[in-house]
Amino acid sequence: MILAGCSLLATLPAQAADRQDARDVRQEVRPEIREAKIDCRQANNKDNYECRQDKREVKQDVREKSRDVKY
């Protein structure tokens, strides 16, 4: 019982570090995504809907990358 508790505590810091790395991946890209959407709207090349869809696609790609880091 005590050994099981010790092994659980040993794996928690590694899992926490993986989760933090995944969070960092998402947070590093947020300003870039925000700027890209603003530039898209200001350029008037696309509708707001198309700019929003582009932003969603990029965010989904980043989520997949963060899952790869996490798992």
C-alpha atoms as a PDB file:
ATOM      1  CA  MET A   1       0.000   0.000   0.000  1.00  0.00           C
ATOM      2  CA  ILE A   2       2.766   2.412   0.908  1.00  0.00           C
ATOM      3  CA  LEU A   3       4.733   1.495  -2.221  1.00  0.00           C
ATOM      4  CA  ALA A   4       1.710   2.148  -4.411  1.00  0.00           C
ATOM      5  CA  GLY A   5       1.335   5.604  -2.892  1.00  0.00           C
ATOM      6  CA  CYS A   6       5.006   6.375  -3.434  1.00  0.00           C
ATOM      7  CA  SER A   7       4.886   5.320  -7.079  1.00  0.00           C
ATOM      8  CA  LEU A   8       1.805   7.478  -7.637  1.00  0.00           C
ATOM      9  CA  LEU A   9       3.544  10.496  -6.152  1.00  0.00           C
ATOM     10  CA  ALA A  10       6.583   9.887  -8.343  1.00  0.00           C
ATOM     11  CA  THR A  11       4.501   9.963 -11.547  1.00  0.00           C
ATOM     12  CA  LEU A  12       2.544  13.088 -10.674  1.00  0.00           C
ATOM     13  CA  PRO A  13       5.385  15.574 -11.217  1.00  0.00           C
ATOM     14  CA  ALA A  14       6.096  14.117 -14.662  1.00  0.00           C
ATOM     15  CA  GLN A  15       2.425  14.336 -15.605  1.00  0.00           C
ATOM     16  CA  ALA A  16       2.235  17.903 -14.294  1.00  0.00           C
ATOM     17  CA  ALA A  17       5.242  18.867 -16.378  1.00  0.00           C
ATOM     18  CA  ASP A  18       3.643  17.336 -19.488  1.00  0.00           C
ATOM     19  CA  ARG A  19       0.425  19.245 -18.864  1.00  0.00           C
ATOM     20  CA  GLN A  20       2.362  22.481 -18.364  1.00  0.00           C
ATOM     21  CA  ASP A  21       4.233  21.909 -21.625  1.00  0.00           C
ATOM     22  CA  ALA A  22       0.916  21.387 -23.428  1.00  0.00           C
ATOM     23  CA  ARG A  23      -0.453  24.611 -21.897  1.00  0.00           C
ATOM     24  CA  ASP A  24       2.668  26.471 -22.974  1.00  0.00           C
ATOM     25  CA  VAL A  25       2.226  25.292 -26.559  1.00  0.00           C
ATOM     26  CA  ARG A  26      -1.314  26.682 -26.649  1.00  0.00           C
ATOM     27  CA  GLN A  27      -0.447  29.943 -24.918  1.00  0.00           C
ATOM     28  CA  GLU A  28       2.546  30.703 -27.140  1.00  0.00           C
ATOM     29  CA  VAL A  29       0.348  30.693 -30.230  1.00  0.00           C
ATOM     30  CA  ARG A  30      -2.593  32.717 -28.887  1.00  0.00           C
ATOM     31  CA  PRO A  31      -1.196  36.196 -29.637  1.00  0.00           C
ATOM     32  CA  GLU A  32      -0.222  35.121 -33.153  1.00  0.00           C
ATOM     33  CA  ILE A  33      -3.711  33.762 -33.830  1.00  0.00           C
ATOM     34  CA  ARG A  34      -5.313  36.920 -32.468  1.00  0.00           C
ATOM     35  CA  GLU A  35      -3.106  39.144 -34.641  1.00  0.00           C
ATOM     36  CA  ALA A  36      -3.804  37.023 -37.726  1.00  0.00           C
ATOM     37  CA  LYS A  37      -7.554  37.421 -37.247  1.00  0.00           C
ATOM     38  CA  ILE A  38      -7.252  41.175 -36.736  1.00  0.00           C
ATOM     39  CA  ASP A  39      -5.092  41.485 -39.850  1.00  0.00           C
ATOM     40  CA  CYS A  40      -7.578  39.372 -41.793  1.00  0.00           C
ATOM     41  CA  ARG A  41     -10.478  41.630 -40.856  1.00  0.00           C
ATOM     42  CA  GLN A  42      -8.540  44.824 -41.517  1.00  0.00           C
ATOM     43  CA  ALA A  43      -7.422  43.652 -44.945  1.00  0.00           C
ATOM     44  CA  ASN A  44     -11.068  43.065 -45.944  1.00  0.00           C
ATOM     45  CA  ASN A  45      -9.967  40.135 -48.086  1.00  0.00           C
ATOM     46  CA  LYS A  46     -12.473  37.838 -46.424  1.00  0.00           C
ATOM     47  CA  ASP A  47     -15.712  38.029 -44.506  1.00  0.00           C
ATOM     48  CA  ASN A  48     -15.556  37.980 -40.727  1.00  0.00           C
ATOM     49  CA  TYR A  49     -16.989  34.468 -40.926  1.00  0.00           C
ATOM     50  CA  GLU A  50     -14.048  33.273 -43.052  1.00  0.00           C
ATOM     51  CA  CYS A  51     -11.535  34.942 -40.734  1.00  0.00           C
ATOM     52  CA  ARG A  52     -13.200  33.262 -37.763  1.00  0.00           C
ATOM     53  CA  GLN A  53     -13.066  29.875 -39.490  1.00  0.00           C
ATOM     54  CA  ASP A  54      -9.364  30.353 -40.246  1.00  0.00           C
ATOM     55  CA  LYS A  55      -8.747  31.155 -36.591  1.00  0.00           C
ATOM     56  CA  ARG A  56     -10.664  28.060 -35.493  1.00  0.00           C
ATOM     57  CA  GLU A  57      -8.673  25.837 -37.829  1.00  0.00           C
ATOM     58  CA  VAL A  58      -5.389  27.157 -36.476  1.00  0.00           C
ATOM     59  CA  LYS A  59      -6.570  26.730 -32.892  1.00  0.00           C
ATOM     60  CA  GLN A  60      -7.601  23.151 -33.622  1.00  0.00           C
ATOM     61  CA  ASP A  61      -4.157  22.425 -35.078  1.00  0.00           C
ATOM     62  CA  VAL A  62      -2.548  23.843 -31.938  1.00  0.00           C
ATOM     63  CA  ARG A  63      -4.821  21.723 -29.738  1.00  0.00           C
ATOM     64  CA  GLU A  64      -3.684  18.622 -31.605  1.00  0.00           C
ATOM     65  CA  LYS A  65      -0.038  19.588 -31.106  1.00  0.00           C
ATOM     66  CA  SER A  66      -0.603  20.154 -27.399  1.00  0.00           C
ATOM     67  CA  ARG A  67      -2.277  16.738 -27.123  1.00  0.00           C
ATOM     68  CA  ASP A  68       0.781  15.207 -28.768  1.00  0.00           C
ATOM     69  CA  VAL A  69       2.960  16.882 -26.145  1.00  0.00           C
ATOM     70  CA  LYS A  70       0.670  15.856 -23.309  1.00  0.00           C
ATOM     71  CA  TYR A  71       0.126  12.234 -24.266  1.00  0.00           C
END
